[in-house]
């Protein structure tokens, strides 16, 4: 079984720990924003280790949208490389935990629609895209049982 390596960022570690320790009843909002987050468990592309991150809760029907914004930084967050290499994830949304399969959204029309869904859920994404020259990646997570 792969080893879990907590994030080097204290706030990320603390958020994940609180969310999981409470069974999804606490730590469900991003720090002091009051905005909902989910916990995504994925596999590191270099280490093969288990990684866990809080991401904004952006729903599209039964699916979830992940935005690799990193606040508009010039580089993608590490989890983007991880998901590109290992698309199987476990997603915790409050008390519900489910296996999901992630794919990067390449189709421009689908990406534009999902980008609008993400910005509606978390308006700062629009500002983050203006801060960087990179195209912020968008992923869709779909339940694995879906045929």
N, C-alpha and C. Protein backbone atom coordinates (compact mmCIF):
# COMPACT_ATOMS: atom_id res chain seq x y z
N UNK A 1 0.84 -1.19 0.00
CA UNK A 1 0.00 0.00 0.00
C UNK A 1 0.89 1.25 0.00
N UNK A 2 0.49 2.23 -0.77
CA UNK A 2 1.28 3.47 -0.88
C UNK A 2 1.23 4.26 0.43
N UNK A 3 2.29 4.98 0.67
CA UNK A 3 2.40 5.79 1.87
C UNK A 3 1.77 7.17 1.63
N UNK A 4 1.12 7.70 2.66
CA UNK A 4 0.55 9.04 2.60
C UNK A 4 1.62 10.06 2.95
N UNK A 5 1.81 11.04 2.08
CA UNK A 5 2.73 12.15 2.35
C UNK A 5 1.91 13.42 2.45
N UNK A 6 1.77 13.98 3.67
CA UNK A 6 1.01 15.22 3.84
C UNK A 6 1.66 16.39 3.08
N UNK A 7 0.87 17.38 2.77
CA UNK A 7 1.36 18.56 2.07
C UNK A 7 2.42 19.28 2.89
N UNK A 8 3.40 19.89 2.22
CA UNK A 8 4.37 20.70 2.95
C UNK A 8 3.75 22.02 3.45
N UNK A 9 2.59 22.38 2.94
CA UNK A 9 1.92 23.61 3.38
C UNK A 9 1.06 23.32 4.61
N UNK A 10 1.34 24.03 5.69
CA UNK A 10 0.65 23.79 6.97
C UNK A 10 -0.86 23.91 6.85
N UNK A 11 -1.35 24.95 6.17
CA UNK A 11 -2.81 25.14 6.11
C UNK A 11 -3.48 24.00 5.35
N UNK A 12 -2.80 23.45 4.35
CA UNK A 12 -3.37 22.33 3.59
C UNK A 12 -3.43 21.10 4.49
N UNK A 13 -2.33 20.79 5.16
CA UNK A 13 -2.29 19.64 6.08
C UNK A 13 -3.39 19.75 7.12
N UNK A 14 -3.50 20.93 7.73
CA UNK A 14 -4.48 21.14 8.80
C UNK A 14 -5.92 21.00 8.28
N UNK A 15 -6.18 21.53 7.10
CA UNK A 15 -7.53 21.43 6.52
C UNK A 15 -7.88 19.97 6.25
N UNK A 16 -6.98 19.24 5.63
CA UNK A 16 -7.21 17.83 5.33
C UNK A 16 -7.43 17.04 6.62
N UNK A 17 -6.57 17.27 7.61
CA UNK A 17 -6.68 16.54 8.88
C UNK A 17 -8.01 16.80 9.57
N UNK A 18 -8.44 18.06 9.63
CA UNK A 18 -9.70 18.40 10.28
C UNK A 18 -10.88 17.79 9.52
N UNK A 19 -10.87 17.92 8.22
CA UNK A 19 -11.94 17.38 7.37
C UNK A 19 -12.09 15.88 7.61
N UNK A 20 -10.96 15.16 7.54
CA UNK A 20 -11.01 13.71 7.67
C UNK A 20 -11.27 13.25 9.11
N UNK A 21 -10.64 13.91 10.07
CA UNK A 21 -10.81 13.54 11.47
C UNK A 21 -12.27 13.67 11.89
N UNK A 22 -12.97 14.67 11.34
CA UNK A 22 -14.37 14.92 11.70
C UNK A 22 -15.34 14.09 10.87
N UNK A 23 -14.81 13.30 9.93
CA UNK A 23 -15.69 12.53 9.06
C UNK A 23 -16.43 13.39 8.05
N UNK A 24 -15.90 14.59 7.80
CA UNK A 24 -16.51 15.48 6.81
C UNK A 24 -17.54 16.44 7.39
N UNK A 25 -17.53 16.60 8.72
CA UNK A 25 -18.47 17.55 9.33
C UNK A 25 -17.82 18.87 9.72
N UNK A 26 -16.48 18.91 9.69
CA UNK A 26 -15.74 20.14 10.00
C UNK A 26 -14.67 20.34 8.93
N UNK A 27 -14.19 21.58 8.80
CA UNK A 27 -13.13 21.87 7.84
C UNK A 27 -13.62 21.83 6.40
N UNK A 28 -14.92 22.00 6.22
CA UNK A 28 -15.53 21.85 4.89
C UNK A 28 -15.58 23.17 4.11
N UNK A 29 -15.04 24.23 4.71
CA UNK A 29 -14.96 25.49 3.98
C UNK A 29 -13.51 25.96 3.95
N UNK A 30 -13.15 26.69 2.91
CA UNK A 30 -11.78 27.15 2.72
C UNK A 30 -11.43 28.22 3.74
N UNK A 31 -10.54 27.89 4.61
CA UNK A 31 -10.05 28.79 5.65
C UNK A 31 -11.15 29.71 6.14
N UNK A 32 -10.98 31.00 5.96
CA UNK A 32 -11.96 31.95 6.51
C UNK A 32 -12.96 32.47 5.47
N UNK A 33 -13.01 31.83 4.31
CA UNK A 33 -13.88 32.35 3.24
C UNK A 33 -15.32 31.91 3.37
N UNK A 34 -15.55 30.78 4.04
CA UNK A 34 -16.88 30.23 4.11
C UNK A 34 -17.29 29.48 2.85
N UNK A 35 -16.38 29.42 1.86
CA UNK A 35 -16.68 28.74 0.60
C UNK A 35 -16.39 27.25 0.73
N UNK A 36 -17.26 26.40 0.19
CA UNK A 36 -17.11 24.95 0.37
C UNK A 36 -15.93 24.35 -0.39
N UNK A 37 -15.30 23.38 0.27
CA UNK A 37 -14.20 22.64 -0.35
C UNK A 37 -14.47 21.14 -0.24
N UNK A 38 -13.79 20.41 -1.10
CA UNK A 38 -13.78 18.96 -1.08
C UNK A 38 -12.33 18.53 -0.83
N UNK A 39 -12.14 17.28 -0.47
CA UNK A 39 -10.79 16.73 -0.33
C UNK A 39 -10.59 15.72 -1.46
N UNK A 40 -9.51 15.90 -2.20
CA UNK A 40 -9.19 14.99 -3.30
C UNK A 40 -7.93 14.21 -2.93
N UNK A 41 -8.08 12.90 -2.87
CA UNK A 41 -6.96 11.99 -2.61
C UNK A 41 -6.51 11.44 -3.96
N UNK A 42 -5.22 11.61 -4.22
CA UNK A 42 -4.68 11.19 -5.51
C UNK A 42 -3.28 10.62 -5.31
N UNK A 43 -2.67 10.19 -6.40
CA UNK A 43 -1.35 9.55 -6.34
C UNK A 43 -0.30 10.47 -6.94
N UNK A 44 0.81 10.64 -6.22
CA UNK A 44 1.91 11.46 -6.71
C UNK A 44 2.53 10.84 -7.95
N UNK A 45 2.79 11.65 -8.96
CA UNK A 45 3.31 11.10 -10.22
C UNK A 45 4.78 10.69 -10.13
N UNK A 46 5.54 11.28 -9.22
CA UNK A 46 6.95 10.90 -9.07
C UNK A 46 7.15 9.89 -7.95
N UNK A 47 6.48 10.12 -6.80
CA UNK A 47 6.70 9.29 -5.62
C UNK A 47 5.81 8.05 -5.57
N UNK A 48 4.65 8.12 -6.24
CA UNK A 48 3.68 7.04 -6.11
C UNK A 48 2.96 7.08 -4.78
N UNK A 49 3.24 8.11 -3.98
CA UNK A 49 2.65 8.25 -2.65
C UNK A 49 1.24 8.82 -2.75
N UNK A 50 0.47 8.61 -1.70
CA UNK A 50 -0.87 9.17 -1.60
C UNK A 50 -0.74 10.64 -1.21
N UNK A 51 -1.46 11.49 -1.93
CA UNK A 51 -1.47 12.93 -1.66
C UNK A 51 -2.92 13.35 -1.45
N UNK A 52 -3.14 14.37 -0.63
CA UNK A 52 -4.49 14.86 -0.36
C UNK A 52 -4.48 16.38 -0.40
N UNK A 53 -5.50 16.93 -1.08
CA UNK A 53 -5.59 18.39 -1.21
C UNK A 53 -7.04 18.84 -1.09
N UNK A 54 -7.25 20.01 -0.48
CA UNK A 54 -8.57 20.61 -0.52
C UNK A 54 -8.69 21.42 -1.82
N UNK A 55 -9.80 21.25 -2.51
CA UNK A 55 -10.09 22.05 -3.71
C UNK A 55 -11.48 22.66 -3.56
N UNK A 56 -11.70 23.75 -4.27
CA UNK A 56 -13.01 24.37 -4.24
C UNK A 56 -14.06 23.36 -4.70
N UNK A 57 -15.22 23.38 -4.05
CA UNK A 57 -16.31 22.48 -4.41
C UNK A 57 -17.09 23.12 -5.56
N UNK A 58 -16.83 22.60 -6.76
CA UNK A 58 -17.50 23.09 -7.96
C UNK A 58 -18.19 21.88 -8.59
N UNK A 59 -19.52 21.86 -8.52
CA UNK A 59 -20.30 20.72 -9.02
C UNK A 59 -20.87 21.02 -10.40
N UNK A 60 -20.94 19.97 -11.20
CA UNK A 60 -21.59 20.03 -12.50
C UNK A 60 -22.40 18.74 -12.61
N UNK A 61 -23.62 18.76 -12.13
CA UNK A 61 -24.42 17.54 -12.03
C UNK A 61 -23.79 16.61 -11.01
N UNK A 62 -23.55 15.36 -11.40
CA UNK A 62 -22.90 14.38 -10.51
C UNK A 62 -21.39 14.52 -10.54
N UNK A 63 -20.88 15.38 -11.41
CA UNK A 63 -19.44 15.55 -11.59
C UNK A 63 -18.92 16.75 -10.80
N UNK A 64 -17.60 16.80 -10.68
CA UNK A 64 -16.93 17.91 -10.01
C UNK A 64 -15.91 18.52 -10.97
N UNK A 65 -15.73 19.82 -10.87
CA UNK A 65 -14.78 20.54 -11.71
C UNK A 65 -13.60 20.96 -10.84
N UNK A 66 -12.39 20.64 -11.28
CA UNK A 66 -11.16 21.05 -10.58
C UNK A 66 -10.47 22.09 -11.45
N UNK A 67 -10.03 23.17 -10.81
CA UNK A 67 -9.37 24.26 -11.52
C UNK A 67 -7.95 24.41 -10.98
N UNK A 68 -6.96 24.27 -11.84
CA UNK A 68 -5.55 24.34 -11.43
C UNK A 68 -5.04 25.77 -11.41
N UNK A 69 -5.67 26.62 -10.62
CA UNK A 69 -5.37 28.06 -10.67
C UNK A 69 -4.12 28.46 -9.90
N UNK A 70 -3.93 27.86 -8.73
CA UNK A 70 -2.83 28.24 -7.84
C UNK A 70 -2.76 29.76 -7.68
N UNK A 71 -3.95 30.37 -7.56
CA UNK A 71 -4.02 31.81 -7.32
C UNK A 71 -3.47 32.66 -8.46
N UNK A 72 -3.35 32.08 -9.64
CA UNK A 72 -2.81 32.83 -10.77
C UNK A 72 -1.29 32.82 -10.83
N UNK A 73 -0.67 31.90 -10.09
CA UNK A 73 0.79 31.77 -10.12
C UNK A 73 1.25 31.37 -11.53
N UNK A 74 2.52 31.60 -11.86
CA UNK A 74 3.01 31.29 -13.20
C UNK A 74 3.13 29.78 -13.49
N UNK A 75 3.07 28.94 -12.47
CA UNK A 75 3.18 27.49 -12.68
C UNK A 75 1.94 26.78 -12.16
N UNK A 76 1.70 25.60 -12.72
CA UNK A 76 0.56 24.78 -12.28
C UNK A 76 0.83 24.25 -10.87
N UNK A 77 -0.23 24.02 -10.09
CA UNK A 77 -0.03 23.33 -8.82
C UNK A 77 0.46 21.90 -9.09
N UNK A 78 1.18 21.33 -8.14
CA UNK A 78 1.74 19.98 -8.31
C UNK A 78 0.67 18.94 -8.61
N UNK A 79 -0.51 19.12 -8.06
CA UNK A 79 -1.55 18.11 -8.26
C UNK A 79 -1.96 17.98 -9.72
N UNK A 80 -1.76 19.01 -10.53
CA UNK A 80 -2.10 18.93 -11.96
C UNK A 80 -1.29 17.82 -12.62
N UNK A 81 0.02 17.80 -12.39
CA UNK A 81 0.87 16.74 -12.96
C UNK A 81 0.44 15.36 -12.43
N UNK A 82 0.09 15.33 -11.15
CA UNK A 82 -0.32 14.06 -10.56
C UNK A 82 -1.58 13.51 -11.24
N UNK A 83 -2.58 14.37 -11.46
CA UNK A 83 -3.83 13.92 -12.07
C UNK A 83 -3.64 13.55 -13.54
N UNK A 84 -2.75 14.26 -14.22
CA UNK A 84 -2.48 13.91 -15.62
C UNK A 84 -1.87 12.51 -15.71
N UNK A 85 -1.04 12.16 -14.75
CA UNK A 85 -0.37 10.85 -14.75
C UNK A 85 -1.24 9.74 -14.16
N UNK A 86 -2.06 10.10 -13.17
CA UNK A 86 -2.86 9.11 -12.42
C UNK A 86 -4.28 9.64 -12.23
N UNK A 87 -5.18 9.38 -13.17
CA UNK A 87 -6.51 9.99 -13.13
C UNK A 87 -7.50 9.40 -12.13
N UNK A 88 -7.16 8.30 -11.47
CA UNK A 88 -8.07 7.73 -10.47
C UNK A 88 -7.89 8.48 -9.16
N UNK A 89 -8.99 9.02 -8.61
CA UNK A 89 -8.95 9.76 -7.37
C UNK A 89 -10.07 9.29 -6.45
N UNK A 90 -9.94 9.67 -5.18
CA UNK A 90 -11.02 9.50 -4.23
C UNK A 90 -11.41 10.91 -3.81
N UNK A 91 -12.70 11.18 -3.84
CA UNK A 91 -13.19 12.52 -3.53
C UNK A 91 -14.08 12.46 -2.30
N UNK A 92 -13.81 13.34 -1.34
CA UNK A 92 -14.64 13.45 -0.14
C UNK A 92 -15.36 14.79 -0.20
N UNK A 93 -16.69 14.74 -0.21
CA UNK A 93 -17.54 15.92 -0.18
C UNK A 93 -18.38 15.79 1.08
N UNK A 94 -17.99 16.51 2.11
CA UNK A 94 -18.57 16.37 3.44
C UNK A 94 -18.44 14.91 3.88
N UNK A 95 -19.56 14.21 4.08
CA UNK A 95 -19.48 12.84 4.60
C UNK A 95 -19.48 11.79 3.49
N UNK A 96 -19.62 12.21 2.25
CA UNK A 96 -19.68 11.27 1.12
C UNK A 96 -18.29 11.11 0.51
N UNK A 97 -17.85 9.87 0.41
CA UNK A 97 -16.56 9.55 -0.21
C UNK A 97 -16.82 8.65 -1.40
N UNK A 98 -16.26 9.02 -2.55
CA UNK A 98 -16.49 8.21 -3.75
C UNK A 98 -15.27 8.17 -4.66
N UNK A 99 -15.15 7.06 -5.36
CA UNK A 99 -14.09 6.91 -6.36
C UNK A 99 -14.51 7.68 -7.60
N UNK A 100 -13.56 8.44 -8.14
CA UNK A 100 -13.83 9.25 -9.33
C UNK A 100 -12.69 9.04 -10.32
N UNK A 101 -12.98 9.35 -11.56
CA UNK A 101 -11.96 9.33 -12.61
C UNK A 101 -11.91 10.75 -13.17
N UNK A 102 -10.71 11.26 -13.28
CA UNK A 102 -10.50 12.64 -13.70
C UNK A 102 -9.96 12.68 -15.12
N UNK A 103 -10.41 13.67 -15.87
CA UNK A 103 -9.81 13.92 -17.18
C UNK A 103 -9.67 15.42 -17.35
N UNK A 104 -8.59 15.80 -18.01
CA UNK A 104 -8.39 17.20 -18.32
C UNK A 104 -9.31 17.56 -19.48
N UNK A 105 -9.95 18.70 -19.38
CA UNK A 105 -10.90 19.12 -20.40
C UNK A 105 -10.14 19.83 -21.52
N UNK A 106 -10.11 19.20 -22.67
CA UNK A 106 -9.39 19.72 -23.83
C UNK A 106 -10.32 20.43 -24.82
N UNK A 107 -11.55 19.92 -24.94
CA UNK A 107 -12.51 20.51 -25.87
C UNK A 107 -12.83 21.94 -25.43
N UNK A 108 -12.64 22.89 -26.33
CA UNK A 108 -12.79 24.31 -25.97
C UNK A 108 -14.20 24.69 -25.54
N UNK A 109 -15.20 24.14 -26.20
CA UNK A 109 -16.59 24.46 -25.83
C UNK A 109 -16.91 23.91 -24.44
N UNK A 110 -16.51 22.66 -24.19
CA UNK A 110 -16.74 22.06 -22.88
C UNK A 110 -15.96 22.82 -21.81
N UNK A 111 -14.72 23.18 -22.12
CA UNK A 111 -13.90 23.91 -21.15
C UNK A 111 -14.52 25.27 -20.83
N UNK A 112 -15.00 25.98 -21.85
CA UNK A 112 -15.61 27.29 -21.63
C UNK A 112 -16.85 27.17 -20.73
N UNK A 113 -17.67 26.17 -20.98
CA UNK A 113 -18.86 25.97 -20.15
C UNK A 113 -18.48 25.66 -18.70
N UNK A 114 -17.51 24.76 -18.53
CA UNK A 114 -17.09 24.39 -17.17
C UNK A 114 -16.36 25.53 -16.47
N UNK A 115 -15.62 26.33 -17.24
CA UNK A 115 -14.96 27.50 -16.66
C UNK A 115 -16.02 28.45 -16.08
N UNK A 116 -17.10 28.66 -16.82
CA UNK A 116 -18.18 29.52 -16.34
C UNK A 116 -18.81 28.96 -15.07
N UNK A 117 -18.99 27.64 -15.02
CA UNK A 117 -19.53 26.98 -13.82
C UNK A 117 -18.58 27.22 -12.64
N UNK A 118 -17.27 27.08 -12.89
CA UNK A 118 -16.27 27.26 -11.83
C UNK A 118 -16.24 28.71 -11.34
N UNK A 119 -16.26 29.66 -12.25
CA UNK A 119 -16.22 31.08 -11.87
C UNK A 119 -17.49 31.46 -11.11
N UNK A 120 -18.62 30.88 -11.48
CA UNK A 120 -19.86 31.16 -10.74
C UNK A 120 -19.75 30.67 -9.30
N UNK A 121 -19.08 29.52 -9.10
CA UNK A 121 -18.90 28.97 -7.76
C UNK A 121 -17.82 29.70 -6.98
N UNK A 122 -16.79 30.18 -7.67
CA UNK A 122 -15.65 30.83 -7.02
C UNK A 122 -15.15 31.94 -7.94
N UNK A 123 -15.75 33.14 -7.85
CA UNK A 123 -15.42 34.24 -8.75
C UNK A 123 -13.94 34.62 -8.87
N UNK A 124 -13.11 34.45 -7.83
CA UNK A 124 -11.69 34.80 -8.00
C UNK A 124 -10.97 34.06 -9.13
N UNK A 125 -11.51 32.93 -9.61
CA UNK A 125 -10.85 32.24 -10.72
C UNK A 125 -10.65 33.17 -11.92
N UNK A 126 -11.62 34.02 -12.20
CA UNK A 126 -11.51 34.93 -13.35
C UNK A 126 -10.31 35.86 -13.18
N UNK A 127 -10.11 36.37 -11.97
CA UNK A 127 -8.97 37.25 -11.69
C UNK A 127 -7.66 36.46 -11.77
N UNK A 128 -7.66 35.24 -11.29
CA UNK A 128 -6.44 34.41 -11.33
C UNK A 128 -5.98 34.21 -12.77
N UNK A 129 -6.92 34.01 -13.70
CA UNK A 129 -6.53 33.80 -15.10
C UNK A 129 -5.89 35.08 -15.66
N UNK A 130 -6.36 36.23 -15.22
CA UNK A 130 -5.79 37.50 -15.69
C UNK A 130 -4.37 37.72 -15.17
N UNK A 131 -4.04 37.11 -14.03
CA UNK A 131 -2.72 37.29 -13.41
C UNK A 131 -1.62 36.48 -14.07
N UNK A 132 -1.98 35.50 -14.88
CA UNK A 132 -0.98 34.60 -15.43
C UNK A 132 -1.11 34.48 -16.94
N UNK A 133 0.00 34.15 -17.58
CA UNK A 133 -0.03 33.95 -19.03
C UNK A 133 -0.35 32.49 -19.37
N UNK A 134 -0.25 31.60 -18.39
CA UNK A 134 -0.56 30.20 -18.67
C UNK A 134 -2.08 30.01 -18.73
N UNK A 135 -2.47 29.03 -19.50
CA UNK A 135 -3.89 28.68 -19.56
C UNK A 135 -4.17 27.76 -18.36
N UNK A 136 -4.99 28.24 -17.45
CA UNK A 136 -5.28 27.46 -16.23
C UNK A 136 -6.02 26.18 -16.63
N UNK A 137 -5.48 25.02 -16.21
CA UNK A 137 -6.11 23.76 -16.57
C UNK A 137 -7.43 23.53 -15.83
N UNK A 138 -8.36 22.90 -16.53
CA UNK A 138 -9.65 22.53 -15.98
C UNK A 138 -9.80 21.02 -16.13
N UNK A 139 -10.22 20.38 -15.05
CA UNK A 139 -10.44 18.94 -15.04
C UNK A 139 -11.89 18.66 -14.66
N UNK A 140 -12.38 17.54 -15.12
CA UNK A 140 -13.71 17.07 -14.70
C UNK A 140 -13.52 15.72 -14.03
N UNK A 141 -14.12 15.57 -12.86
CA UNK A 141 -14.08 14.30 -12.12
C UNK A 141 -15.46 13.67 -12.24
N UNK A 142 -15.48 12.43 -12.74
CA UNK A 142 -16.72 11.72 -12.96
C UNK A 142 -16.73 10.45 -12.10
N UNK A 143 -17.89 10.09 -11.55
CA UNK A 143 -17.95 8.85 -10.75
C UNK A 143 -17.45 7.67 -11.55
N UNK A 144 -16.67 6.80 -10.91
CA UNK A 144 -16.09 5.65 -11.62
C UNK A 144 -17.13 4.63 -12.04
N UNK A 145 -18.23 4.55 -11.32
CA UNK A 145 -19.25 3.55 -11.67
C UNK A 145 -20.02 3.92 -12.93
N UNK A 146 -19.82 5.15 -13.41
CA UNK A 146 -20.51 5.64 -14.60
C UNK A 146 -20.01 4.89 -15.84
N UNK A 147 -20.91 4.44 -16.67
CA UNK A 147 -20.53 3.71 -17.88
C UNK A 147 -20.48 4.62 -19.06
